[in-house]
Every structure is written in structure tokens, then in C-alpha cells.
Amino acid sequence: MSAAPGGRLLRPIAITMGDPAGIGPEIVAKAFAQAPDLVAGCFVVGDVACMRRGAAAVAGTRPPLATARIQAPEEAFDVPPRCIPVLQVGDAGAAPPAIGVASAQGGRMAADAVLWATRAALRGEVAAIVTAPLHKEALAAAGLPYPGHTELLQAEAAAHAGVPVSQMPVRMMLANDELRTVLVSIHVALREALDAVTLPQVLETVRITDRSLTALLGRRPRIAVAGLNPHAGEGGLFGREEIETIAPAIETARAEGMAASGPYAPDTVFMRARRGEFDAVVAMYHDQGLIPVKYLGVEKGVNVTLGLPLVRTSPDHGTAFDIAGTGRADASSLLAAVNMARELSS
């Protein structure tokens, strides 16, 4: 990330608080307590009262970190040590929603924070956004027409660019130190995900992966494309999607200069990537790609939205309503997301 003389970042990073009934405020507070150097120049978009509650939950026997209400992103650089800068979004006088319960109030507060941060990023006011977890049922209760962050971000970016959502293709990448996987489809039913395995969709996923990872790695990435069926269809015995859809998409990508190969058997390709044979795996649907990454440890995983005109990362876990308020939540994945956001926006 670019820096001013003396090493200070030119633009701050916005961290959204997530659903206030979940562990979002707690892991954000832990991040500021545990890694002050990493989060220097970051600020929280959300609600001051919810962040104070989260900071108190993780303080233990020590005094909780103070919160400082800021009015603009650049003020994040001026808060004193052991202080969480919070840009208030929404009604500052509203009582926080109940811990551990999905509600329209929690969904609305979380969505408002993401909308503010996304629009600030699209205006160039922040270098990147890091989003703490949302709860999909709470979003729906609040009347939001999006199943998650990715679709909301896509819609905002398309509106900002003045184009239909179909002209702002995005993909989800889950990454850790051992494995990167990019998904052809995201939050849809499995039956719909199978229908999404089309030549244009697979090819667009490979293109977005190539473009995004070239910027990150400084070279063309080696992209493995997983098959859809067991044993990648076994020559058509278990399905013809590999022959009729996936392989032609790979051939087109290779003709365009991309280092794509496959389709590979889904039950072994992730192991091969983990050994260093590939830089990323394109998976055909949500669980095919996310189970291998999450098995390696959600505390290490980072969710990155590829294809947007902004940098967005997120921890690789949910709102964890069952432990919210206990102070036991692990901030490791959020810290990894902040670190990834810095790398991607440099």
C-alpha cells in the first residue's frame, strides 16, 4: 500500500463491525488489542455502543479498549494508542440488539455499515474494506435483497459504474497460506449451482482468477480447474459436463494466454494445489471449493471478492451466535483478512 513520508498510509482501511448480535464487534476489538501495528490506519464502520459492548466482552480482567467516535476516515490516523476509532453509521441512540439472536435490527445495522464502507471505497476514500461476518437470516429479516456480502458489493459496484449487475461479474476466493480456491457459483441451491456450470461462467471465473492473481503474484497464476462430477466424469461415464463445458472453457482460456489446466478430479486437485503444483483451484460450486479450505482451519482463511473495482476481504467464518458475548471468539482470521487487504491494495 502506498504511504506518505514517514510510512503513514495515505488512505485508511475500513473494517465493518458485522452483525452486532454475533462475534463481529468482539473480533474487531480483539484485533485492535492484539495487533495494534497491523490495524494502524484502520477504523471501524458501525455503531459505537455495539463496539463498546464487544470491547467489554473481550477485555477479561483488563480495562476494555476505549472507543473514539470519528467523523471522517482520515481521522483514524489521529486516535491515541489502545483506542478503537469508530465511524458511527445509523442512529447513535439505539440500544444494541440482543446478543446471539438474529433480528431485523441487527441485519439492518450490519448492512448499513457495509453499504457505507463500500460507497466510500468506490469514491476512493478508503484503500480497502474488511468485513466482519453478516447473518443471512438477519439480512433477510431487514428486507435486504442479498443473500450475503458478495451480492451486495456486486450490486453497489454495478450501480456506481452505471452498468447492469450482469456486467459486473464477481467471484469469491477463499485463501490461506496453503490453498486458494475460486468459485464458479456462490450462494445458490445446489440444483441451481449445477445449472450455473456453463462455458461462459467457467471461462469468466478463470479470467477473473487470472487477472486478480496476476496483480497479486506479479505473474500469471497456474490455475487448476476442477471437474464437476466424480473422477471429472471419467471420460463421460459419470456425466458430460467436463467434455462439453469445462474442457472447452479451459481451451479458450489457454488460447488467451492463461496458464489454466484440467478438468481435474475434484477429490485430488486440492491436495495437488496444496503441494504447490497450482496457485489456485477453480471450483464448480460453493461447498466443493470451501470445504477443503475450511478443513485446513477457519482461523487461517480469508474470503476475497474478486472482480470488484475495490479491495474487499473478510474472515472465513460466520457470526457464531452460539459464543457471541463470551469473549472466546478468535480474531486470527480477521487479522489475516486485514493483512490480505493491505497486500491487495498495495
Foldseek 3Di string as FASTA:
>chain_A
DDADPVRHRPAAEEEEQAQLLFLSLQLVQVCCVPPVPLRQRYAYEFAQQSNVLNQVLQQPPHDGQAEDEDDASVCSNVDDRSYHYYDYFDDNPDDRDHHLDQALVRLVRRVRRLLVNLVCQLVVRHLAYEYEFYDQVNVVRVVHPDSGDQVVSLCSLCVSVVHDSVVQDKWKWKDFPQAIEIELEAPDDPVVLVVSQAQVSLLVRLVLVQVQVCLLVVHGWQEAEEADFAQNCVVVVTHCCSPPHVVVSQVVCVVVPHNYDDHGGLVCPRVCSSVPVGHHYYYSYHCSGVVVSCVVPQLGMKMWMTRGPHTYIYRNDHRPSVCPSNSPDHSSSSSNRSVVSVSSSD
